[in-house]
Amino acid sequence: MTPLRTALYQGPAGVPASTADSLASLAAAARRAAAAGARLLLTNELYLTGYALGPAVRDLAEPADGPGARAVARIAAEHGLAIGYGYPERDGDDGAGGTVFNSLQLIGPDGTSLANYRKTHLFGEYETTYFTPGSEPVVQAELDGVRLGLLICYDIEFPEPVRAHALAGTELLLAPTALMRPYEIVPQTIVPARAWESQLYLAYANRCGTEGDFSFAGLSCLAAPDGTVRARAGAGEDLIVADVDPALLKASRAENTYLDDRRPELYGSLI
């Protein structure tokens, strides 16, 4: 099977609430990713609007099929690659803007929506104040014969969601993030460990720079199931590209049999 060339855009924090600027940067990143042969481009958490929004998040949130999604769909179709992007999702309207989720949507190369995931593990006072946690732990899609899974940031710091994806057949796990300093241990240590222990590829796309009170760590990476990091960004704006190779994944799972050697009858106390 042909490897899936994957690009991760580590965009600057920029100006919160500037969706137009985010879309312009996305179009430029998509052009560069397509020129590098990528079939998939992943951006960071809450990419569309910025992260440090405070109460304005309710005004900026939009439905999964809203204007932001339509703009991303046009960019994806123009460049012939799938795009995963973070955004604040509004579901329904109860007179106060409806329920707001911290979401990741995957748009296919033809501009159609392939999957939408709502972050299940919210981090810190900001997220727990303004967002509702999602309730669907495993959301997947197919792209070029590769099974993709969707999580967001803090989700992957728990081994259980990543393992649930591995058991459901996820081969490449997409994880946009807004990881802040001083938690560089996550991309440096935890992300490669998750890829190794659950035997999958893990794409971790972070923000960079400063936004409001948040200073983002950068260090986006694509980790492989053999424990190696196939591409790594620095602290600034960057676009990194690497291949997700199904043949390597198959060989790694045959050699490192964590998934086959589990004894779930012993793990009842975990739930």
C-alpha atoms as a PDB file:
ATOM      1  CA  MET A   1       0.000   0.000   0.000  1.00  0.00           C
ATOM      2  CA  THR A   2       1.245   3.488  -0.881  1.00  0.00           C
ATOM      3  CA  PRO A   3       2.362   5.556   2.119  1.00  0.00           C
ATOM      4  CA  LEU A   4       0.122   8.460   3.083  1.00  0.00           C
ATOM      5  CA  ARG A   5       2.174  11.637   2.959  1.00  0.00           C
ATOM      6  CA  THR A   6       1.059  13.808   5.861  1.00  0.00           C
ATOM      7  CA  ALA A   7       1.760  17.468   6.565  1.00  0.00           C
ATOM      8  CA  LEU A   8       1.435  19.214   9.933  1.00  0.00           C
ATOM      9  CA  TYR A   9       1.089  22.996   9.988  1.00  0.00           C
ATOM     10  CA  GLN A  10       2.416  24.596  13.152  1.00  0.00           C
ATOM     11  CA  GLY A  11       0.874  28.009  12.778  1.00  0.00           C
ATOM     12  CA  PRO A  12       1.570  31.071  14.899  1.00  0.00           C
ATOM     13  CA  ALA A  13      -0.890  32.032  17.580  1.00  0.00           C
ATOM     14  CA  GLY A  14      -1.654  35.257  15.767  1.00  0.00           C
ATOM     15  CA  VAL A  15      -4.641  37.441  16.594  1.00  0.00           C
ATOM     16  CA  PRO A  16      -7.503  35.667  18.370  1.00  0.00           C
ATOM     17  CA  ALA A  17     -10.842  35.728  16.560  1.00  0.00           C
ATOM     18  CA  SER A  18      -9.250  36.459  13.166  1.00  0.00           C
ATOM     19  CA  THR A  19     -10.812  33.680  11.127  1.00  0.00           C
ATOM     20  CA  ALA A  20      -9.919  35.426   7.873  1.00  0.00           C
ATOM     21  CA  ASP A  21      -6.224  35.425   8.785  1.00  0.00           C
ATOM     22  CA  SER A  22      -6.428  31.754   9.797  1.00  0.00           C
ATOM     23  CA  LEU A  23      -7.995  30.810   6.467  1.00  0.00           C
ATOM     24  CA  ALA A  24      -5.384  32.776   4.516  1.00  0.00           C
ATOM     25  CA  SER A  25      -2.582  31.005   6.387  1.00  0.00           C
ATOM     26  CA  LEU A  26      -4.328  27.665   5.819  1.00  0.00           C
ATOM     27  CA  ALA A  27      -4.538  28.269   2.059  1.00  0.00           C
ATOM     28  CA  ALA A  28      -0.815  29.031   1.946  1.00  0.00           C
ATOM     29  CA  ALA A  29       0.012  25.943   4.028  1.00  0.00           C
ATOM     30  CA  ALA A  30      -2.209  23.763   1.837  1.00  0.00           C
ATOM     31  CA  ARG A  31      -0.429  25.013  -1.270  1.00  0.00           C
ATOM     32  CA  ARG A  32       2.965  24.133   0.219  1.00  0.00           C
ATOM     33  CA  ALA A  33       1.758  20.759   1.508  1.00  0.00           C
ATOM     34  CA  ALA A  34       0.292  19.795  -1.866  1.00  0.00           C
ATOM     35  CA  ALA A  35       3.502  20.829  -3.610  1.00  0.00           C
ATOM     36  CA  ALA A  36       5.357  18.444  -1.251  1.00  0.00           C
ATOM     37  CA  GLY A  37       3.045  15.595  -2.286  1.00  0.00           C
ATOM     38  CA  ALA A  38       0.940  15.534   0.887  1.00  0.00           C
ATOM     39  CA  ARG A  39      -2.547  14.059   0.808  1.00  0.00           C
ATOM     40  CA  LEU A  40      -3.390  15.183   4.335  1.00  0.00           C
ATOM     41  CA  LEU A  41      -2.804  18.455   6.191  1.00  0.00           C
ATOM     42  CA  LEU A  42      -3.395  18.762   9.938  1.00  0.00           C
ATOM     43  CA  THR A  43      -3.624  22.097  11.747  1.00  0.00           C
ATOM     44  CA  ASN A  44      -3.741  22.830  15.459  1.00  0.00           C
ATOM     45  CA  GLU A  45      -6.430  23.006  18.139  1.00  0.00           C
ATOM     46  CA  LEU A  46      -9.052  25.749  17.622  1.00  0.00           C
ATOM     47  CA  TYR A  47      -7.095  26.751  14.534  1.00  0.00           C
ATOM     48  CA  LEU A  48      -9.963  28.524  12.821  1.00  0.00           C
ATOM     49  CA  THR A  49     -10.515  31.185  15.493  1.00  0.00           C
ATOM     50  CA  GLY A  50      -7.485  31.093  17.763  1.00  0.00           C
ATOM     51  CA  TYR A  51      -7.362  29.557  21.212  1.00  0.00           C
ATOM     52  CA  ALA A  52      -7.448  32.400  23.767  1.00  0.00           C
ATOM     53  CA  LEU A  53     -11.002  33.579  23.135  1.00  0.00           C
ATOM     54  CA  GLY A  54     -12.589  33.717  26.582  1.00  0.00           C
ATOM     55  CA  PRO A  55     -16.348  34.404  26.478  1.00  0.00           C
ATOM     56  CA  ALA A  56     -16.069  35.433  22.799  1.00  0.00           C
ATOM     57  CA  VAL A  57     -15.895  31.737  21.937  1.00  0.00           C
ATOM     58  CA  ARG A  58     -19.692  31.568  22.117  1.00  0.00           C
ATOM     59  CA  ASP A  59     -20.015  34.267  19.453  1.00  0.00           C
ATOM     60  CA  LEU A  60     -17.364  32.754  17.191  1.00  0.00           C
ATOM     61  CA  ALA A  61     -18.555  29.150  17.422  1.00  0.00           C
ATOM     62  CA  GLU A  62     -20.308  27.825  14.345  1.00  0.00           C
ATOM     63  CA  PRO A  63     -22.009  24.625  13.203  1.00  0.00           C
ATOM     64  CA  ALA A  64     -19.992  21.824  11.641  1.00  0.00           C
ATOM     65  CA  ASP A  65     -21.345  22.885   8.244  1.00  0.00           C
ATOM     66  CA  GLY A  66     -20.882  26.620   8.880  1.00  0.00           C
ATOM     67  CA  PRO A  67     -19.000  29.222   6.826  1.00  0.00           C
ATOM     68  CA  GLY A  68     -15.614  28.189   8.195  1.00  0.00           C
ATOM     69  CA  ALA A  69     -16.179  24.599   7.146  1.00  0.00           C
ATOM     70  CA  ARG A  70     -17.232  25.690   3.682  1.00  0.00           C
ATOM     71  CA  ALA A  71     -14.110  27.825   3.310  1.00  0.00           C
ATOM     72  CA  VAL A  72     -11.869  24.943   4.415  1.00  0.00           C
ATOM     73  CA  ALA A  73     -13.696  22.650   1.987  1.00  0.00           C
ATOM     74  CA  ARG A  74     -12.887  24.995  -0.894  1.00  0.00           C
ATOM     75  CA  ILE A  75      -9.203  25.015   0.074  1.00  0.00           C
ATOM     76  CA  ALA A  76      -9.113  21.217   0.362  1.00  0.00           C
ATOM     77  CA  ALA A  77     -10.765  20.718  -3.023  1.00  0.00           C
ATOM     78  CA  GLU A  78      -8.556  23.314  -4.709  1.00  0.00           C
ATOM     79  CA  HIS A  79      -5.377  21.559  -3.582  1.00  0.00           C
ATOM     80  CA  GLY A  80      -6.646  17.968  -3.641  1.00  0.00           C
ATOM     81  CA  LEU A  81      -5.775  17.066  -0.073  1.00  0.00           C
ATOM     82  CA  ALA A  82      -7.677  16.316   3.124  1.00  0.00           C
ATOM     83  CA  ILE A  83      -7.553  18.942   5.892  1.00  0.00           C
ATOM     84  CA  GLY A  84      -8.070  18.402   9.609  1.00  0.00           C
ATOM     85  CA  TYR A  85      -8.687  21.637  11.487  1.00  0.00           C
ATOM     86  CA  GLY A  86      -9.711  22.635  14.994  1.00  0.00           C
ATOM     87  CA  TYR A  87     -12.630  24.997  15.618  1.00  0.00           C
ATOM     88  CA  PRO A  88     -15.272  25.882  18.231  1.00  0.00           C
ATOM     89  CA  GLU A  89     -18.433  24.029  17.235  1.00  0.00           C
ATOM     90  CA  ARG A  90     -21.910  25.244  18.110  1.00  0.00           C
ATOM     91  CA  ASP A  91     -24.641  22.625  18.221  1.00  0.00           C
ATOM     92  CA  GLY A  92     -28.206  23.919  18.406  1.00  0.00           C
ATOM     93  CA  ASP A  93     -29.362  27.262  19.762  1.00  0.00           C
ATOM     94  CA  ASP A  94     -31.011  27.552  23.143  1.00  0.00           C
ATOM     95  CA  GLY A  95     -31.106  31.321  23.040  1.00  0.00           C
ATOM     96  CA  ALA A  96     -27.568  31.598  24.418  1.00  0.00           C
ATOM     97  CA  GLY A  97     -25.674  30.269  21.421  1.00  0.00           C
ATOM     98  CA  GLY A  98     -26.338  26.567  21.898  1.00  0.00           C
ATOM     99  CA  THR A  99     -23.849  24.038  23.231  1.00  0.00           C
ATOM    100  CA  VAL A 100     -20.209  24.741  22.343  1.00  0.00           C
ATOM    101  CA  PHE A 101     -17.654  21.988  21.775  1.00  0.00           C
ATOM    102  CA  ASN A 102     -13.904  22.062  21.143  1.00  0.00           C
ATOM    103  CA  SER A 103     -13.943  20.162  17.852  1.00  0.00           C
ATOM    104  CA  LEU A 104     -11.814  18.712  15.070  1.00  0.00           C
ATOM    105  CA  GLN A 105     -13.276  18.332  11.607  1.00  0.00           C
ATOM    106  CA  LEU A 106     -11.703  16.328   8.796  1.00  0.00           C
ATOM    107  CA  ILE A 107     -12.535  17.509   5.281  1.00  0.00           C
ATOM    108  CA  GLY A 108     -11.740  15.182   2.391  1.00  0.00           C
ATOM    109  CA  PRO A 109      -9.779  16.030  -0.771  1.00  0.00           C
ATOM    110  CA  ASP A 110     -13.063  16.540  -2.618  1.00  0.00           C
ATOM    111  CA  GLY A 111     -14.327  19.048  -0.056  1.00  0.00           C
ATOM    112  CA  THR A 112     -16.772  16.747   1.746  1.00  0.00           C
ATOM    113  CA  SER A 113     -16.748  16.219   5.506  1.00  0.00           C
ATOM    114  CA  LEU A 114     -15.269  12.854   6.484  1.00  0.00           C
ATOM    115  CA  ALA A 115     -15.557  13.081  10.280  1.00  0.00           C
ATOM    116  CA  ASN A 116     -16.159  15.471  13.169  1.00  0.00           C
ATOM    117  CA  TYR A 117     -14.891  14.884  16.712  1.00  0.00           C
ATOM    118  CA  ARG A 118     -15.658  16.736  19.952  1.00  0.00           C
ATOM    119  CA  LYS A 119     -12.892  16.841  22.568  1.00  0.00           C
ATOM    120  CA  THR A 120     -13.743  14.511  25.443  1.00  0.00           C
ATOM    121  CA  HIS A 121     -11.063  15.517  27.985  1.00  0.00           C
ATOM    122  CA  LEU A 122     -11.120  19.261  28.637  1.00  0.00           C
ATOM    123  CA  PHE A 123      -8.042  20.933  30.084  1.00  0.00           C
ATOM    124  CA  GLY A 124      -7.966  23.696  32.662  1.00  0.00           C
ATOM    125  CA  GLU A 125     -10.393  26.364  33.806  1.00  0.00           C
ATOM    126  CA  TYR A 126     -10.705  28.051  30.412  1.00  0.00           C
ATOM    127  CA  GLU A 127     -11.859  24.936  28.557  1.00  0.00           C
ATOM    128  CA  THR A 128     -14.101  23.600  31.315  1.00  0.00           C
ATOM    129  CA  THR A 129     -15.783  27.014  31.616  1.00  0.00           C
ATOM    130  CA  TYR A 130     -16.609  27.585  27.949  1.00  0.00           C
ATOM    131  CA  PHE A 131     -16.829  24.126  26.378  1.00  0.00           C
ATOM    132  CA  THR A 132     -18.941  21.018  26.880  1.00  0.00           C
ATOM    133  CA  PRO A 133     -17.034  17.713  26.732  1.00  0.00           C
ATOM    134  CA  GLY A 134     -17.843  15.362  23.884  1.00  0.00           C
ATOM    135  CA  SER A 135     -19.169  11.882  24.553  1.00  0.00           C
ATOM    136  CA  GLU A 136     -17.983   9.836  21.544  1.00  0.00           C
ATOM    137  CA  PRO A 137     -14.504   8.459  22.302  1.00  0.00           C
ATOM    138  CA  VAL A 138     -13.627   6.895  18.953  1.00  0.00           C
ATOM    139  CA  VAL A 139     -14.308   8.788  15.721  1.00  0.00           C
ATOM    140  CA  GLN A 140     -12.688   7.463  12.542  1.00  0.00           C
ATOM    141  CA  ALA A 141     -12.482   8.025   8.797  1.00  0.00           C
ATOM    142  CA  GLU A 142     -10.761   6.446   5.799  1.00  0.00           C
ATOM    143  CA  LEU A 143      -8.308   8.230   3.504  1.00  0.00           C
ATOM    144  CA  ASP A 144      -6.428   6.469   0.708  1.00  0.00           C
ATOM    145  CA  GLY A 145      -6.906   3.122   2.440  1.00  0.00           C
ATOM    146  CA  VAL A 146      -5.575   4.361   5.803  1.00  0.00           C
ATOM    147  CA  ARG A 147      -7.868   4.389   8.822  1.00  0.00           C
ATOM    148  CA  LEU A 148      -7.634   7.736  10.580  1.00  0.00           C
ATOM    149  CA  GLY A 149      -8.682   8.455  14.152  1.00  0.00           C
ATOM    150  CA  LEU A 150      -9.427  11.823  15.740  1.00  0.00           C
ATOM    151  CA  LEU A 151      -8.488  13.111  19.206  1.00  0.00           C
ATOM    152  CA  ILE A 152      -7.546  16.564  20.517  1.00  0.00           C
ATOM    153  CA  CYS A 153      -4.626  17.688  22.704  1.00  0.00           C
ATOM    154  CA  TYR A 154      -5.245  16.625  26.340  1.00  0.00           C
ATOM    155  CA  ASP A 155      -7.055  13.482  25.120  1.00  0.00           C
ATOM    156  CA  ILE A 156      -3.774  11.833  24.145  1.00  0.00           C
ATOM    157  CA  GLU A 157      -2.255  12.438  27.578  1.00  0.00           C
ATOM    158  CA  PHE A 158      -4.517   9.627  28.772  1.00  0.00           C
ATOM    159  CA  PRO A 159      -3.470   6.180  27.522  1.00  0.00           C
ATOM    160  CA  GLU A 160      -7.050   4.890  27.399  1.00  0.00           C
ATOM    161  CA  PRO A 161      -8.376   6.939  24.424  1.00  0.00           C
ATOM    162  CA  VAL A 162      -5.295   6.140  22.349  1.00  0.00           C
ATOM    163  CA  ARG A 163      -5.539   2.435  23.157  1.00  0.00           C
ATOM    164  CA  ALA A 164      -9.266   2.489  22.327  1.00  0.00           C
ATOM    165  CA  HIS A 165      -8.349   3.812  18.887  1.00  0.00           C
ATOM    166  CA  ALA A 166      -5.706   1.127  18.392  1.00  0.00           C
ATOM    167  CA  LEU A 167      -8.207  -1.592  19.299  1.00  0.00           C
ATOM    168  CA  ALA A 168     -10.715  -0.065  16.859  1.00  0.00           C
ATOM    169  CA  GLY A 169      -8.170  -0.292  14.037  1.00  0.00           C
ATOM    170  CA  THR A 170      -6.911   3.287  13.846  1.00  0.00           C
ATOM    171  CA  GLU A 171      -3.628   3.441  11.937  1.00  0.00           C
ATOM    172  CA  LEU A 172      -2.973   7.192  12.002  1.00  0.00           C
ATOM    173  CA  LEU A 173      -4.243   9.175  14.975  1.00  0.00           C
ATOM    174  CA  LEU A 174      -4.715  12.898  14.374  1.00  0.00           C
ATOM    175  CA  ALA A 175      -4.250  15.126  17.421  1.00  0.00           C
ATOM    176  CA  PRO A 176      -4.333  18.898  16.970  1.00  0.00           C
ATOM    177  CA  THR A 177      -3.176  20.602  20.136  1.00  0.00           C
ATOM    178  CA  ALA A 178      -2.613  23.910  21.916  1.00  0.00           C
ATOM    179  CA  LEU A 179       0.088  22.663  24.253  1.00  0.00           C
ATOM    180  CA  MET A 180       1.604  25.366  26.427  1.00  0.00           C
ATOM    181  CA  ARG A 181       4.949  25.789  28.092  1.00  0.00           C
ATOM    182  CA  PRO A 182       6.340  24.237  30.301  1.00  0.00           C
ATOM    183  CA  TYR A 183       4.763  20.937  29.187  1.00  0.00           C
ATOM    184  CA  GLU A 184       7.247  20.103  26.424  1.00  0.00           C
ATOM    185  CA  ILE A 185       7.443  16.586  27.883  1.00  0.00           C
ATOM    186  CA  VAL A 186       4.240  15.789  26.004  1.00  0.00           C
ATOM    187  CA  PRO A 187       5.555  16.074  22.419  1.00  0.00           C
ATOM    188  CA  GLN A 188       9.069  15.034  23.414  1.00  0.00           C
ATOM    189  CA  THR A 189       8.198  11.911  25.433  1.00  0.00           C
ATOM    190  CA  ILE A 190       4.497  11.105  25.731  1.00  0.00           C
ATOM    191  CA  VAL A 191       3.564  11.317  22.052  1.00  0.00           C
ATOM    192  CA  PRO A 192       6.283   8.869  20.867  1.00  0.00           C
ATOM    193  CA  ALA A 193       5.445   6.590  23.812  1.00  0.00           C
ATOM    194  CA  ARG A 194       1.751   6.547  22.890  1.00  0.00           C
ATOM    195  CA  ALA A 195       2.616   5.650  19.293  1.00  0.00           C
ATOM    196  CA  TRP A 196       4.867   2.832  20.519  1.00  0.00           C
ATOM    197  CA  GLU A 197       2.633   1.353  23.218  1.00  0.00           C
ATOM    198  CA  SER A 198      -0.507   1.390  21.060  1.00  0.00           C
ATOM    199  CA  GLN A 199       1.256   0.615  17.770  1.00  0.00           C
ATOM    200  CA  LEU A 200      -0.012   3.388  15.528  1.00  0.00           C
ATOM    201  CA  TYR A 201       1.141   6.614  13.920  1.00  0.00           C
ATOM    202  CA  LEU A 202       0.367   9.782  15.863  1.00  0.00           C
ATOM    203  CA  ALA A 203       0.270  13.233  14.245  1.00  0.00           C
ATOM    204  CA  TYR A 204       0.503  15.984  16.876  1.00  0.00           C
ATOM    205  CA  ALA A 205       0.083  19.525  15.478  1.00  0.00           C
ATOM    206  CA  ASN A 206       0.675  22.328  17.983  1.00  0.00           C
ATOM    207  CA  ARG A 207       0.346  26.088  18.064  1.00  0.00           C
ATOM    208  CA  CYS A 208       3.383  28.343  18.540  1.00  0.00           C
ATOM    209  CA  GLY A 209       4.012  31.817  19.844  1.00  0.00           C
ATOM    210  CA  THR A 210       2.012  33.728  22.443  1.00  0.00           C
ATOM    211  CA  GLU A 211      -1.710  34.366  22.530  1.00  0.00           C
ATOM    212  CA  GLY A 212      -3.251  36.171  25.474  1.00  0.00           C
ATOM    213  CA  ASP A 213      -1.927  34.553  28.640  1.00  0.00           C
ATOM    214  CA  PHE A 214      -0.871  31.396  26.795  1.00  0.00           C
ATOM    215  CA  SER A 215       2.638  30.652  25.502  1.00  0.00           C
ATOM    216  CA  PHE A 216       2.591  27.664  23.169  1.00  0.00           C
ATOM    217  CA  ALA A 217       5.440  25.162  22.988  1.00  0.00           C
ATOM    218  CA  GLY A 218       5.499  24.232  19.301  1.00  0.00           C
ATOM    219  CA  LEU A 219       7.396  20.942  18.779  1.00  0.00           C
ATOM    220  CA  SER A 220       4.725  19.426  16.512  1.00  0.00           C
ATOM    221  CA  CYS A 221       5.651  15.921  15.419  1.00  0.00           C
ATOM    222  CA  LEU A 222       4.682  12.775  13.565  1.00  0.00           C
ATOM    223  CA  ALA A 223       5.553   9.744  15.698  1.00  0.00           C
ATOM    224  CA  ALA A 224       5.727   6.229  14.278  1.00  0.00           C
ATOM    225  CA  PRO A 225       4.803   2.872  15.857  1.00  0.00           C
ATOM    226  CA  ASP A 226       8.461   1.897  16.070  1.00  0.00           C
ATOM    227  CA  GLY A 227       9.010   4.735  18.554  1.00  0.00           C
ATOM    228  CA  THR A 228      10.795   7.052  16.152  1.00  0.00           C
ATOM    229  CA  VAL A 229       9.771  10.608  15.331  1.00  0.00           C
ATOM    230  CA  ARG A 230       9.587  10.954  11.548  1.00  0.00           C
ATOM    231  CA  ALA A 231       9.283  14.755  11.523  1.00  0.00           C
ATOM    232  CA  ARG A 232       9.642  17.404  14.212  1.00  0.00           C
ATOM    233  CA  ALA A 233       9.012  21.155  14.201  1.00  0.00           C
ATOM    234  CA  GLY A 234      10.892  23.657  16.293  1.00  0.00           C
ATOM    235  CA  ALA A 235       9.432  26.465  18.387  1.00  0.00           C
ATOM    236  CA  GLY A 236       8.305  28.731  15.527  1.00  0.00           C
ATOM    237  CA  GLU A 237       5.995  28.600  12.549  1.00  0.00           C
ATOM    238  CA  ASP A 238       6.675  25.511  10.467  1.00  0.00           C
ATOM    239  CA  LEU A 239       5.249  22.989   8.020  1.00  0.00           C
ATOM    240  CA  ILE A 240       6.583  19.462   8.451  1.00  0.00           C
ATOM    241  CA  VAL A 241       5.951  16.537   6.129  1.00  0.00           C
ATOM    242  CA  ALA A 242       6.458  12.787   6.600  1.00  0.00           C
ATOM    243  CA  ASP A 243       5.040   9.503   5.327  1.00  0.00           C
ATOM    244  CA  VAL A 244       2.670   7.191   7.150  1.00  0.00           C
ATOM    245  CA  ASP A 245       3.677   3.751   5.866  1.00  0.00           C
ATOM    246  CA  PRO A 246       1.116   0.951   6.313  1.00  0.00           C
ATOM    247  CA  ALA A 247       3.813  -1.637   5.597  1.00  0.00           C
ATOM    248  CA  LEU A 248       5.946  -0.365   8.478  1.00  0.00           C
ATOM    249  CA  LEU A 249       2.903  -0.372  10.738  1.00  0.00           C
ATOM    250  CA  LYS A 250       2.101  -3.981   9.844  1.00  0.00           C
ATOM    251  CA  ALA A 251       5.689  -5.062  10.489  1.00  0.00           C
ATOM    252  CA  SER A 252       5.852  -3.141  13.757  1.00  0.00           C
ATOM    253  CA  ARG A 253       2.626  -4.702  15.038  1.00  0.00           C
ATOM    254  CA  ALA A 254       3.943  -8.155  14.155  1.00  0.00           C
ATOM    255  CA  GLU A 255       7.148  -7.542  16.120  1.00  0.00           C
ATOM    256  CA  ASN A 256       5.692  -5.585  19.050  1.00  0.00           C
ATOM    257  CA  THR A 257       2.621  -7.556  20.053  1.00  0.00           C
ATOM    258  CA  TYR A 258       1.208  -5.328  22.777  1.00  0.00           C
ATOM    259  CA  LEU A 259      -2.300  -5.388  21.327  1.00  0.00           C
ATOM    260  CA  ASP A 260      -2.362  -9.189  21.021  1.00  0.00           C
ATOM    261  CA  ASP A 261      -0.829  -9.792  24.439  1.00  0.00           C
ATOM    262  CA  ARG A 262      -3.296  -7.746  26.440  1.00  0.00           C
ATOM    263  CA  ARG A 263      -5.283  -9.480  29.230  1.00  0.00           C
ATOM    264  CA  PRO A 264      -8.436  -7.367  29.495  1.00  0.00           C
ATOM    265  CA  GLU A 265      -9.965  -9.747  32.051  1.00  0.00           C
ATOM    266  CA  LEU A 266      -7.462  -8.325  34.533  1.00  0.00           C
ATOM    267  CA  TYR A 267      -8.264  -4.673  33.893  1.00  0.00           C
ATOM    268  CA  GLY A 268     -11.762  -4.410  35.311  1.00  0.00           C
ATOM    269  CA  SER A 269     -10.625  -2.098  38.094  1.00  0.00           C
ATOM    270  CA  LEU A 270      -9.687   0.519  35.489  1.00  0.00           C
ATOM    271  CA  ILE A 271     -13.329   1.140  34.680  1.00  0.00           C
END
